[in-house]
Amino acid sequence: MSTAGIADALAHAIDGPDDGRVTLAGLVARLERRGYGMLLFLFSAPNLTPGPSIPGFSTIFALPLAVVAFQMMLGARHPKLPGFLGRLGIARVRARSILDQIKAPLKRAERLLKPRWPALCEPAAQRWIGAVAIVEAGLLLLPLPILPLIPSIALIVLSLGLLARDGRAVALGLGLCALAAGLFAAALLLGAAALGLA
């Protein structure tokens, strides 16, 4: 599965009887080491919806994101979700419908992604990526409107790079994470100055 496209890997991960359910734990088990990339994607993508305009929305996904990133930083071979998170899921028929809807953009992304710069996708590098993801999760914990879009986009680029084993995309994602941290710091300093706290 390590050389399969992202869409094909997801199709494999949700394969099974039509009357069954797809759980986060099942996805992680079938995606093997790709589980980290998939979970970073799943916990970042919701922040691209209109939800980030509501202060505190991103916090819902930041907590499980931090759990996954911490395991990644520790070098755990596979992510392990707390029971209540692992049991979350949807009907397999619904999962296939969602995959059908996102398959076209994923296929377009795959044309830009390819295995390269392998050093940035190895376990040693993933420890540092986990540390960066924890910082981004910390940014998402802040109850701010709109700004969560920035670290979320950074994490999505990072996660797609991990899923495709594309070190160049991972490097771009890391750069965007640094940019997100800088913009958050600037926003907080400006806010403090406006309130006369700095």
N, C-alpha and C. Protein backbone atom coordinates (compact mmCIF):
# COMPACT_ATOMS: atom_id res chain seq x y z
N MET A 1 0.81 -1.20 0.00
CA MET A 1 0.00 0.00 0.00
C MET A 1 0.84 1.26 0.00
N SER A 2 2.13 1.14 0.34
CA SER A 2 2.95 2.33 0.49
C SER A 2 3.12 3.09 -0.81
N THR A 3 2.96 2.41 -1.97
CA THR A 3 3.12 3.10 -3.24
C THR A 3 1.78 3.45 -3.87
N ALA A 4 0.69 3.14 -3.24
CA ALA A 4 -0.62 3.43 -3.78
C ALA A 4 -0.92 4.91 -3.70
N GLY A 5 -1.79 5.38 -4.62
CA GLY A 5 -2.23 6.76 -4.55
C GLY A 5 -3.08 6.98 -3.31
N ILE A 6 -3.25 8.25 -2.96
CA ILE A 6 -4.00 8.57 -1.76
C ILE A 6 -5.44 8.09 -1.87
N ALA A 7 -6.09 8.39 -2.99
CA ALA A 7 -7.48 7.97 -3.18
C ALA A 7 -7.60 6.45 -3.14
N ASP A 8 -6.65 5.74 -3.76
CA ASP A 8 -6.68 4.28 -3.75
C ASP A 8 -6.47 3.74 -2.34
N ALA A 9 -5.58 4.37 -1.58
CA ALA A 9 -5.34 3.93 -0.20
C ALA A 9 -6.59 4.12 0.65
N LEU A 10 -7.29 5.23 0.44
CA LEU A 10 -8.52 5.46 1.19
C LEU A 10 -9.60 4.46 0.79
N ALA A 11 -9.68 4.15 -0.49
CA ALA A 11 -10.66 3.16 -0.95
C ALA A 11 -10.39 1.81 -0.30
N HIS A 12 -9.11 1.45 -0.19
CA HIS A 12 -8.73 0.19 0.48
C HIS A 12 -9.12 0.25 1.95
N ALA A 13 -8.92 1.41 2.58
CA ALA A 13 -9.15 1.54 4.02
C ALA A 13 -10.63 1.43 4.38
N ILE A 14 -11.52 1.83 3.48
CA ILE A 14 -12.95 1.78 3.80
C ILE A 14 -13.65 0.58 3.17
N ASP A 15 -12.88 -0.29 2.53
CA ASP A 15 -13.48 -1.46 1.87
C ASP A 15 -14.11 -2.39 2.90
N GLY A 16 -15.22 -2.99 2.52
CA GLY A 16 -15.90 -3.93 3.41
C GLY A 16 -17.38 -4.02 3.07
N PRO A 17 -18.14 -4.76 3.88
CA PRO A 17 -19.58 -4.94 3.62
C PRO A 17 -20.32 -3.61 3.64
N ASP A 18 -21.31 -3.50 2.77
CA ASP A 18 -22.09 -2.26 2.67
C ASP A 18 -22.84 -1.92 3.94
N ASP A 19 -23.18 -2.93 4.72
CA ASP A 19 -23.97 -2.67 5.93
C ASP A 19 -23.10 -2.38 7.15
N GLY A 20 -21.80 -2.23 6.96
CA GLY A 20 -20.90 -1.98 8.08
C GLY A 20 -20.62 -0.50 8.28
N ARG A 21 -19.72 -0.23 9.23
CA ARG A 21 -19.32 1.14 9.55
C ARG A 21 -17.81 1.28 9.37
N VAL A 22 -17.40 2.50 9.07
CA VAL A 22 -15.99 2.84 8.98
C VAL A 22 -15.66 3.68 10.22
N THR A 23 -14.75 3.18 11.05
CA THR A 23 -14.37 3.90 12.26
C THR A 23 -12.97 4.49 12.09
N LEU A 24 -12.64 5.49 12.91
CA LEU A 24 -11.30 6.06 12.88
C LEU A 24 -10.25 5.00 13.21
N ALA A 25 -10.56 4.13 14.16
CA ALA A 25 -9.61 3.07 14.52
C ALA A 25 -9.37 2.14 13.34
N GLY A 26 -10.43 1.81 12.61
CA GLY A 26 -10.29 0.95 11.45
C GLY A 26 -9.48 1.60 10.35
N LEU A 27 -9.70 2.89 10.14
CA LEU A 27 -8.92 3.61 9.14
C LEU A 27 -7.44 3.60 9.48
N VAL A 28 -7.14 3.89 10.75
CA VAL A 28 -5.75 3.93 11.19
C VAL A 28 -5.08 2.57 10.99
N ALA A 29 -5.79 1.50 11.35
CA ALA A 29 -5.21 0.16 11.24
C ALA A 29 -4.90 -0.19 9.78
N ARG A 30 -5.78 0.16 8.88
CA ARG A 30 -5.59 -0.21 7.48
C ARG A 30 -4.59 0.69 6.76
N LEU A 31 -4.46 1.93 7.22
CA LEU A 31 -3.54 2.85 6.57
C LEU A 31 -2.11 2.69 7.06
N GLU A 32 -1.90 1.85 8.09
CA GLU A 32 -0.57 1.57 8.62
C GLU A 32 0.14 2.88 8.97
N ARG A 33 1.40 3.08 8.52
CA ARG A 33 2.12 4.31 8.88
C ARG A 33 1.48 5.54 8.26
N ARG A 34 0.70 5.34 7.22
CA ARG A 34 -0.03 6.47 6.65
C ARG A 34 -1.10 6.98 7.60
N GLY A 35 -1.36 6.24 8.66
CA GLY A 35 -2.37 6.67 9.62
C GLY A 35 -2.10 8.04 10.17
N TYR A 36 -0.83 8.39 10.41
CA TYR A 36 -0.52 9.72 10.92
C TYR A 36 -0.95 10.80 9.93
N GLY A 37 -0.58 10.64 8.68
CA GLY A 37 -0.95 11.61 7.68
C GLY A 37 -2.46 11.74 7.54
N MET A 38 -3.14 10.58 7.60
CA MET A 38 -4.60 10.61 7.44
C MET A 38 -5.26 11.33 8.60
N LEU A 39 -4.81 11.07 9.83
CA LEU A 39 -5.43 11.71 10.99
C LEU A 39 -5.12 13.21 11.03
N LEU A 40 -3.92 13.60 10.65
CA LEU A 40 -3.63 15.03 10.56
C LEU A 40 -4.58 15.69 9.57
N PHE A 41 -4.86 15.00 8.47
CA PHE A 41 -5.78 15.52 7.46
C PHE A 41 -7.20 15.62 8.02
N LEU A 42 -7.66 14.53 8.65
CA LEU A 42 -9.04 14.48 9.14
C LEU A 42 -9.32 15.52 10.21
N PHE A 43 -8.32 15.79 11.07
CA PHE A 43 -8.54 16.74 12.15
C PHE A 43 -8.24 18.19 11.75
N SER A 44 -7.69 18.39 10.55
CA SER A 44 -7.41 19.75 10.06
C SER A 44 -8.45 20.22 9.05
N ALA A 45 -8.91 19.30 8.21
CA ALA A 45 -9.82 19.67 7.12
C ALA A 45 -11.10 20.36 7.58
N PRO A 46 -11.72 19.95 8.71
CA PRO A 46 -12.97 20.63 9.10
C PRO A 46 -12.81 22.13 9.31
N ASN A 47 -11.59 22.58 9.57
CA ASN A 47 -11.38 24.01 9.80
C ASN A 47 -11.40 24.82 8.50
N LEU A 48 -11.53 24.14 7.36
CA LEU A 48 -11.67 24.84 6.09
C LEU A 48 -13.14 25.09 5.77
N THR A 49 -14.03 24.60 6.61
CA THR A 49 -15.46 24.84 6.46
C THR A 49 -15.79 26.19 7.09
N PRO A 50 -17.05 26.65 6.99
CA PRO A 50 -17.41 27.94 7.62
C PRO A 50 -17.24 27.96 9.14
N GLY A 51 -17.02 26.81 9.76
CA GLY A 51 -16.89 26.73 11.21
C GLY A 51 -15.87 27.66 11.84
N PRO A 52 -14.67 27.85 11.21
CA PRO A 52 -13.66 28.69 11.84
C PRO A 52 -14.10 30.12 12.13
N SER A 53 -15.19 30.58 11.51
CA SER A 53 -15.67 31.92 11.82
C SER A 53 -16.29 31.98 13.21
N ILE A 54 -16.52 30.81 13.83
CA ILE A 54 -17.07 30.73 15.18
C ILE A 54 -15.92 30.52 16.16
N PRO A 55 -15.63 31.48 17.04
CA PRO A 55 -14.53 31.29 18.01
C PRO A 55 -14.72 30.01 18.81
N GLY A 56 -13.65 29.21 18.89
CA GLY A 56 -13.71 27.96 19.65
C GLY A 56 -13.99 26.74 18.81
N PHE A 57 -14.45 26.92 17.55
CA PHE A 57 -14.76 25.77 16.69
C PHE A 57 -13.54 24.88 16.49
N SER A 58 -12.39 25.50 16.23
CA SER A 58 -11.18 24.73 15.93
C SER A 58 -10.69 23.93 17.13
N THR A 59 -11.09 24.35 18.35
CA THR A 59 -10.66 23.64 19.56
C THR A 59 -11.15 22.20 19.57
N ILE A 60 -12.32 21.97 18.98
CA ILE A 60 -12.91 20.63 18.96
C ILE A 60 -11.96 19.64 18.30
N PHE A 61 -11.28 20.07 17.23
CA PHE A 61 -10.40 19.19 16.48
C PHE A 61 -8.95 19.31 16.93
N ALA A 62 -8.62 20.40 17.63
CA ALA A 62 -7.24 20.60 18.05
C ALA A 62 -6.82 19.60 19.12
N LEU A 63 -7.74 19.23 20.00
CA LEU A 63 -7.38 18.30 21.09
C LEU A 63 -6.99 16.92 20.56
N PRO A 64 -7.82 16.26 19.72
CA PRO A 64 -7.37 14.97 19.17
C PRO A 64 -6.15 15.12 18.27
N LEU A 65 -6.04 16.26 17.57
CA LEU A 65 -4.87 16.51 16.74
C LEU A 65 -3.61 16.52 17.60
N ALA A 66 -3.68 17.16 18.77
CA ALA A 66 -2.53 17.21 19.67
C ALA A 66 -2.16 15.82 20.17
N VAL A 67 -3.17 14.98 20.44
CA VAL A 67 -2.91 13.61 20.90
C VAL A 67 -2.14 12.83 19.84
N VAL A 68 -2.58 12.94 18.59
CA VAL A 68 -1.93 12.24 17.49
C VAL A 68 -0.52 12.78 17.27
N ALA A 69 -0.37 14.10 17.28
CA ALA A 69 0.93 14.71 17.04
C ALA A 69 1.93 14.33 18.14
N PHE A 70 1.45 14.23 19.39
CA PHE A 70 2.33 13.86 20.50
C PHE A 70 2.86 12.43 20.31
N GLN A 71 2.00 11.52 19.89
CA GLN A 71 2.44 10.14 19.63
C GLN A 71 3.46 10.12 18.49
N MET A 72 3.22 10.94 17.49
CA MET A 72 4.14 11.03 16.36
C MET A 72 5.50 11.52 16.83
N MET A 73 5.50 12.53 17.70
CA MET A 73 6.74 13.09 18.21
C MET A 73 7.51 12.06 19.04
N LEU A 74 6.78 11.20 19.74
CA LEU A 74 7.42 10.17 20.56
C LEU A 74 7.96 9.02 19.73
N GLY A 75 7.59 8.98 18.44
CA GLY A 75 8.10 7.94 17.56
C GLY A 75 7.29 6.66 17.57
N ALA A 76 6.05 6.70 18.06
CA ALA A 76 5.21 5.51 18.02
C ALA A 76 5.02 5.07 16.57
N ARG A 77 5.14 3.78 16.33
CA ARG A 77 5.08 3.29 14.95
C ARG A 77 3.72 3.57 14.32
N HIS A 78 2.67 3.37 15.08
CA HIS A 78 1.32 3.63 14.59
C HIS A 78 0.58 4.48 15.60
N PRO A 79 -0.28 5.38 15.14
CA PRO A 79 -1.08 6.17 16.09
C PRO A 79 -2.09 5.28 16.81
N LYS A 80 -2.33 5.58 18.07
CA LYS A 80 -3.34 4.86 18.84
C LYS A 80 -4.32 5.90 19.39
N LEU A 81 -5.57 5.75 19.03
CA LEU A 81 -6.57 6.71 19.46
C LEU A 81 -7.22 6.26 20.76
N PRO A 82 -7.55 7.21 21.63
CA PRO A 82 -8.36 6.84 22.80
C PRO A 82 -9.64 6.16 22.33
N GLY A 83 -10.17 5.28 23.16
CA GLY A 83 -11.32 4.46 22.76
C GLY A 83 -12.47 5.23 22.15
N PHE A 84 -12.85 6.35 22.79
CA PHE A 84 -14.02 7.08 22.29
C PHE A 84 -13.76 7.69 20.92
N LEU A 85 -12.50 8.09 20.63
CA LEU A 85 -12.18 8.62 19.31
C LEU A 85 -12.12 7.50 18.27
N GLY A 86 -11.51 6.39 18.66
CA GLY A 86 -11.39 5.27 17.73
C GLY A 86 -12.73 4.72 17.30
N ARG A 87 -13.71 4.81 18.19
CA ARG A 87 -15.04 4.26 17.87
C ARG A 87 -15.88 5.20 17.00
N LEU A 88 -15.46 6.45 16.86
CA LEU A 88 -16.21 7.37 16.01
C LEU A 88 -16.16 6.89 14.56
N GLY A 89 -17.29 6.95 13.89
CA GLY A 89 -17.30 6.51 12.51
C GLY A 89 -18.62 6.81 11.83
N ILE A 90 -18.71 6.40 10.59
CA ILE A 90 -19.93 6.60 9.80
C ILE A 90 -20.21 5.32 9.02
N ALA A 91 -21.41 5.23 8.49
CA ALA A 91 -21.79 4.07 7.68
C ALA A 91 -20.85 3.96 6.48
N ARG A 92 -20.48 2.72 6.14
CA ARG A 92 -19.54 2.53 5.04
C ARG A 92 -20.09 3.07 3.72
N VAL A 93 -21.39 2.95 3.52
CA VAL A 93 -22.00 3.48 2.29
C VAL A 93 -21.80 5.00 2.23
N ARG A 94 -21.96 5.66 3.37
CA ARG A 94 -21.75 7.11 3.43
C ARG A 94 -20.29 7.46 3.19
N ALA A 95 -19.39 6.66 3.75
CA ALA A 95 -17.95 6.90 3.56
C ALA A 95 -17.58 6.79 2.08
N ARG A 96 -18.16 5.80 1.39
CA ARG A 96 -17.89 5.66 -0.04
C ARG A 96 -18.43 6.85 -0.82
N SER A 97 -19.58 7.36 -0.41
CA SER A 97 -20.15 8.52 -1.08
C SER A 97 -19.25 9.74 -0.93
N ILE A 98 -18.73 9.94 0.29
CA ILE A 98 -17.83 11.06 0.54
C ILE A 98 -16.56 10.91 -0.29
N LEU A 99 -16.02 9.68 -0.33
CA LEU A 99 -14.80 9.45 -1.10
C LEU A 99 -15.04 9.74 -2.58
N ASP A 100 -16.20 9.36 -3.09
CA ASP A 100 -16.52 9.64 -4.49
C ASP A 100 -16.52 11.14 -4.77
N GLN A 101 -16.96 11.92 -3.78
CA GLN A 101 -17.02 13.37 -3.95
C GLN A 101 -15.64 14.02 -3.93
N ILE A 102 -14.73 13.47 -3.14
CA ILE A 102 -13.40 14.10 -3.02
C ILE A 102 -12.35 13.41 -3.90
N LYS A 103 -12.76 12.32 -4.58
CA LYS A 103 -11.78 11.57 -5.37
C LYS A 103 -11.17 12.41 -6.48
N ALA A 104 -12.00 13.20 -7.17
CA ALA A 104 -11.47 14.00 -8.28
C ALA A 104 -10.42 15.00 -7.82
N PRO A 105 -10.69 15.83 -6.77
CA PRO A 105 -9.64 16.74 -6.33
C PRO A 105 -8.41 16.02 -5.78
N LEU A 106 -8.62 14.86 -5.14
CA LEU A 106 -7.47 14.09 -4.65
C LEU A 106 -6.62 13.60 -5.81
N LYS A 107 -7.28 13.15 -6.88
CA LYS A 107 -6.54 12.69 -8.05
C LYS A 107 -5.74 13.83 -8.66
N ARG A 108 -6.34 15.04 -8.67
CA ARG A 108 -5.60 16.20 -9.19
C ARG A 108 -4.39 16.51 -8.31
N ALA A 109 -4.58 16.39 -6.99
CA ALA A 109 -3.47 16.62 -6.07
C ALA A 109 -2.38 15.58 -6.28
N GLU A 110 -2.79 14.34 -6.55
CA GLU A 110 -1.81 13.27 -6.75
C GLU A 110 -0.91 13.53 -7.94
N ARG A 111 -1.42 14.26 -8.94
CA ARG A 111 -0.59 14.56 -10.10
C ARG A 111 0.55 15.52 -9.75
N LEU A 112 0.35 16.27 -8.65
CA LEU A 112 1.40 17.18 -8.19
C LEU A 112 2.33 16.53 -7.17
N LEU A 113 1.84 15.45 -6.54
CA LEU A 113 2.59 14.78 -5.48
C LEU A 113 3.25 13.52 -6.02
N LYS A 114 4.45 13.26 -5.57
CA LYS A 114 5.13 12.03 -5.93
C LYS A 114 6.23 11.77 -4.90
N PRO A 115 6.60 10.51 -4.73
CA PRO A 115 7.67 10.21 -3.76
C PRO A 115 8.98 10.91 -4.11
N ARG A 116 9.49 11.71 -3.22
CA ARG A 116 10.76 12.42 -3.40
C ARG A 116 11.21 12.97 -2.05
N TRP A 117 12.44 13.38 -1.98
CA TRP A 117 13.03 13.89 -0.74
C TRP A 117 12.65 12.95 0.42
N PRO A 118 13.00 11.67 0.30
CA PRO A 118 12.53 10.67 1.27
C PRO A 118 12.95 10.94 2.71
N ALA A 119 14.04 11.66 2.91
CA ALA A 119 14.51 11.90 4.28
C ALA A 119 13.45 12.60 5.13
N LEU A 120 12.60 13.42 4.51
CA LEU A 120 11.59 14.16 5.25
C LEU A 120 10.35 13.31 5.56
N CYS A 121 10.34 12.08 5.07
CA CYS A 121 9.21 11.19 5.34
C CYS A 121 9.60 10.01 6.21
N GLU A 122 10.85 9.95 6.63
CA GLU A 122 11.32 8.85 7.45
C GLU A 122 10.91 9.05 8.92
N PRO A 123 10.93 7.95 9.70
CA PRO A 123 10.50 8.05 11.11
C PRO A 123 11.23 9.12 11.91
N ALA A 124 12.54 9.27 11.69
CA ALA A 124 13.29 10.28 12.45
C ALA A 124 12.75 11.68 12.17
N ALA A 125 12.45 11.96 10.89
CA ALA A 125 11.92 13.28 10.54
C ALA A 125 10.51 13.45 11.07
N GLN A 126 9.75 12.36 11.13
CA GLN A 126 8.37 12.46 11.58
C GLN A 126 8.27 12.86 13.05
N ARG A 127 9.32 12.58 13.83
CA ARG A 127 9.33 13.05 15.22
C ARG A 127 9.28 14.58 15.25
N TRP A 128 10.10 15.22 14.39
CA TRP A 128 10.12 16.68 14.33
C TRP A 128 8.81 17.21 13.77
N ILE A 129 8.26 16.50 12.79
CA ILE A 129 6.97 16.90 12.22
C ILE A 129 5.89 16.85 13.29
N GLY A 130 5.95 15.83 14.14
CA GLY A 130 4.99 15.73 15.24
C GLY A 130 5.10 16.91 16.18
N ALA A 131 6.34 17.35 16.47
CA ALA A 131 6.54 18.50 17.35
C ALA A 131 5.95 19.77 16.73
N VAL A 132 6.15 19.93 15.41
CA VAL A 132 5.58 21.09 14.72
C VAL A 132 4.05 21.03 14.75
N ALA A 133 3.50 19.82 14.55
CA ALA A 133 2.05 19.67 14.55
C ALA A 133 1.45 19.99 15.92
N ILE A 134 2.20 19.70 16.99
CA ILE A 134 1.72 20.06 18.34
C ILE A 134 1.62 21.58 18.48
N VAL A 135 2.61 22.30 17.94
CA VAL A 135 2.56 23.76 17.98
C VAL A 135 1.33 24.27 17.22
N GLU A 136 1.08 23.67 16.03
CA GLU A 136 -0.08 24.10 15.24
C GLU A 136 -1.38 23.76 15.97
N ALA A 137 -1.41 22.62 16.64
CA ALA A 137 -2.60 22.27 17.43
C ALA A 137 -2.81 23.29 18.54
N GLY A 138 -1.70 23.76 19.13
CA GLY A 138 -1.81 24.78 20.15
C GLY A 138 -2.41 26.07 19.60
N LEU A 139 -2.05 26.41 18.35
CA LEU A 139 -2.64 27.60 17.72
C LEU A 139 -4.14 27.41 17.51
N LEU A 140 -4.51 26.20 17.14
CA LEU A 140 -5.93 25.92 16.89
C LEU A 140 -6.75 25.92 18.18
N LEU A 141 -6.07 25.73 19.32
CA LEU A 141 -6.77 25.78 20.60
C LEU A 141 -7.22 27.19 20.96
N LEU A 142 -6.55 28.19 20.39
CA LEU A 142 -6.90 29.57 20.71
C LEU A 142 -8.26 29.91 20.11
N PRO A 143 -9.15 30.46 20.91
CA PRO A 143 -10.52 30.75 20.43
C PRO A 143 -10.58 32.01 19.58
N LEU A 144 -9.95 31.94 18.40
CA LEU A 144 -9.92 33.09 17.50
C LEU A 144 -10.69 32.77 16.22
N PRO A 145 -11.38 33.75 15.63
CA PRO A 145 -12.07 33.50 14.37
C PRO A 145 -11.12 33.59 13.18
N ILE A 146 -11.44 32.91 12.10
CA ILE A 146 -10.76 33.00 10.79
C ILE A 146 -9.31 32.50 10.81
N LEU A 147 -8.49 32.98 11.76
CA LEU A 147 -7.07 32.63 11.78
C LEU A 147 -6.79 31.12 11.75
N PRO A 148 -7.66 30.26 12.34
CA PRO A 148 -7.39 28.82 12.26
C PRO A 148 -7.27 28.28 10.84
N LEU A 149 -7.75 29.01 9.85
CA LEU A 149 -7.60 28.57 8.46
C LEU A 149 -6.14 28.39 8.10
N ILE A 150 -5.27 29.26 8.64
CA ILE A 150 -3.87 29.27 8.22
C ILE A 150 -3.12 28.01 8.67
N PRO A 151 -3.11 27.69 9.99
CA PRO A 151 -2.44 26.43 10.37
C PRO A 151 -3.14 25.21 9.82
N SER A 152 -4.44 25.29 9.57
CA SER A 152 -5.16 24.14 9.02
C SER A 152 -4.69 23.84 7.60
N ILE A 153 -4.55 24.89 6.78
CA ILE A 153 -4.04 24.70 5.42
C ILE A 153 -2.62 24.13 5.47
N ALA A 154 -1.81 24.66 6.39
CA ALA A 154 -0.44 24.18 6.53
C ALA A 154 -0.42 22.69 6.88
N LEU A 155 -1.28 22.28 7.81
CA LEU A 155 -1.32 20.88 8.22
C LEU A 155 -1.86 19.98 7.12
N ILE A 156 -2.80 20.48 6.32
CA ILE A 156 -3.33 19.67 5.22
C ILE A 156 -2.24 19.43 4.18
N VAL A 157 -1.48 20.46 3.83
CA VAL A 157 -0.36 20.28 2.90
C VAL A 157 0.64 19.29 3.47
N LEU A 158 0.94 19.44 4.76
CA LEU A 158 1.87 18.53 5.44
C LEU A 158 1.35 17.10 5.41
N SER A 159 0.05 16.93 5.70
CA SER A 159 -0.52 15.58 5.75
C SER A 159 -0.54 14.92 4.37
N LEU A 160 -0.86 15.69 3.33
CA LEU A 160 -0.86 15.13 1.97
C LEU A 160 0.56 14.72 1.57
N GLY A 161 1.54 15.51 1.99
CA GLY A 161 2.92 15.14 1.72
C GLY A 161 3.29 13.82 2.39
N LEU A 162 2.86 13.64 3.64
CA LEU A 162 3.14 12.39 4.34
C LEU A 162 2.42 11.22 3.68
N LEU A 163 1.17 11.43 3.29
CA LEU A 163 0.40 10.35 2.66
C LEU A 163 1.02 9.91 1.34
N ALA A 164 1.54 10.88 0.58
CA ALA A 164 2.14 10.57 -0.72
C ALA A 164 3.64 10.32 -0.62
N ARG A 165 4.20 10.44 0.59
CA ARG A 165 5.64 10.33 0.81
C ARG A 165 6.40 11.32 -0.08
N ASP A 166 5.84 12.51 -0.15
CA ASP A 166 6.43 13.59 -0.95
C ASP A 166 7.11 14.57 0.00
N GLY A 167 8.42 14.44 0.12
CA GLY A 167 9.17 15.27 1.05
C GLY A 167 9.12 16.75 0.70
N ARG A 168 8.98 17.06 -0.59
CA ARG A 168 8.92 18.46 -0.98
C ARG A 168 7.63 19.09 -0.47
N ALA A 169 6.52 18.35 -0.56
CA ALA A 169 5.25 18.85 -0.03
C ALA A 169 5.33 18.99 1.50
N VAL A 170 6.02 18.04 2.14
CA VAL A 170 6.22 18.12 3.59
C VAL A 170 7.00 19.39 3.94
N ALA A 171 8.04 19.67 3.16
CA ALA A 171 8.83 20.88 3.41
C ALA A 171 7.98 22.14 3.24
N LEU A 172 7.12 22.14 2.20
CA LEU A 172 6.22 23.27 2.00
C LEU A 172 5.26 23.41 3.18
N GLY A 173 4.74 22.28 3.65
CA GLY A 173 3.84 22.30 4.80
C GLY A 173 4.52 22.84 6.05
N LEU A 174 5.77 22.45 6.25
CA LEU A 174 6.53 22.96 7.41
C LEU A 174 6.74 24.46 7.31
N GLY A 175 7.02 24.93 6.10
CA GLY A 175 7.18 26.37 5.89
C GLY A 175 5.89 27.12 6.19
N LEU A 176 4.78 26.56 5.76
CA LEU A 176 3.48 27.18 6.02
C LEU A 176 3.15 27.15 7.52
N CYS A 177 3.58 26.09 8.20
CA CYS A 177 3.39 26.03 9.66
C CYS A 177 4.15 27.15 10.34
N ALA A 178 5.38 27.41 9.90
CA ALA A 178 6.18 28.50 10.47
C ALA A 178 5.50 29.85 10.20
N LEU A 179 4.98 30.00 8.98
CA LEU A 179 4.27 31.24 8.64
C LEU A 179 3.04 31.41 9.52
N ALA A 180 2.30 30.33 9.73
CA ALA A 180 1.10 30.39 10.57
C ALA A 180 1.46 30.83 11.99
N ALA A 181 2.54 30.25 12.54
CA ALA A 181 2.96 30.61 13.89
C ALA A 181 3.33 32.09 13.96
N GLY A 182 4.03 32.58 12.93
CA GLY A 182 4.41 33.98 12.91
C GLY A 182 3.20 34.91 12.82
N LEU A 183 2.23 34.55 12.01
CA LEU A 183 1.03 35.38 11.87
C LEU A 183 0.21 35.39 13.16
N PHE A 184 0.12 34.22 13.83
CA PHE A 184 -0.60 34.17 15.10
C PHE A 184 0.10 35.05 16.13
N ALA A 185 1.43 34.97 16.18
CA ALA A 185 2.18 35.78 17.14
C ALA A 185 1.95 37.27 16.87
N ALA A 186 1.96 37.65 15.58
CA ALA A 186 1.74 39.05 15.23
C ALA A 186 0.33 39.48 15.61
N ALA A 187 -0.66 38.61 15.37
CA ALA A 187 -2.04 38.95 15.71
C ALA A 187 -2.21 39.12 17.21
N LEU A 188 -1.57 38.25 17.99
CA LEU A 188 -1.68 38.36 19.44
C LEU A 188 -0.99 39.63 19.96
N LEU A 189 0.16 39.98 19.37
CA LEU A 189 0.86 41.20 19.79
C LEU A 189 0.06 42.43 19.44
N LEU A 190 -0.54 42.43 18.25
CA LEU A 190 -1.38 43.57 17.86
C LEU A 190 -2.60 43.70 18.76
N GLY A 191 -3.18 42.53 19.10
CA GLY A 191 -4.33 42.55 20.00
C GLY A 191 -3.97 43.06 21.38
N ALA A 192 -2.80 42.63 21.87
CA ALA A 192 -2.34 43.10 23.18
C ALA A 192 -2.07 44.59 23.16
N ALA A 193 -1.48 45.07 22.04
CA ALA A 193 -1.19 46.50 21.94
C ALA A 193 -2.47 47.31 21.90
N ALA A 194 -3.47 46.79 21.18
CA ALA A 194 -4.75 47.48 21.08
C ALA A 194 -5.43 47.59 22.44
N LEU A 195 -5.18 46.58 23.28
CA LEU A 195 -5.81 46.58 24.61
C LEU A 195 -4.94 47.28 25.67
N GLY A 196 -3.78 47.78 25.20
CA GLY A 196 -2.88 48.47 26.11
C GLY A 196 -2.12 47.53 27.00
N LEU A 197 -1.97 46.26 26.60
CA LEU A 197 -1.25 45.28 27.41
C LEU A 197 0.19 45.13 26.99
N ALA A 198 0.57 45.75 25.91
CA ALA A 198 1.94 45.62 25.42
C ALA A 198 2.48 46.99 25.00
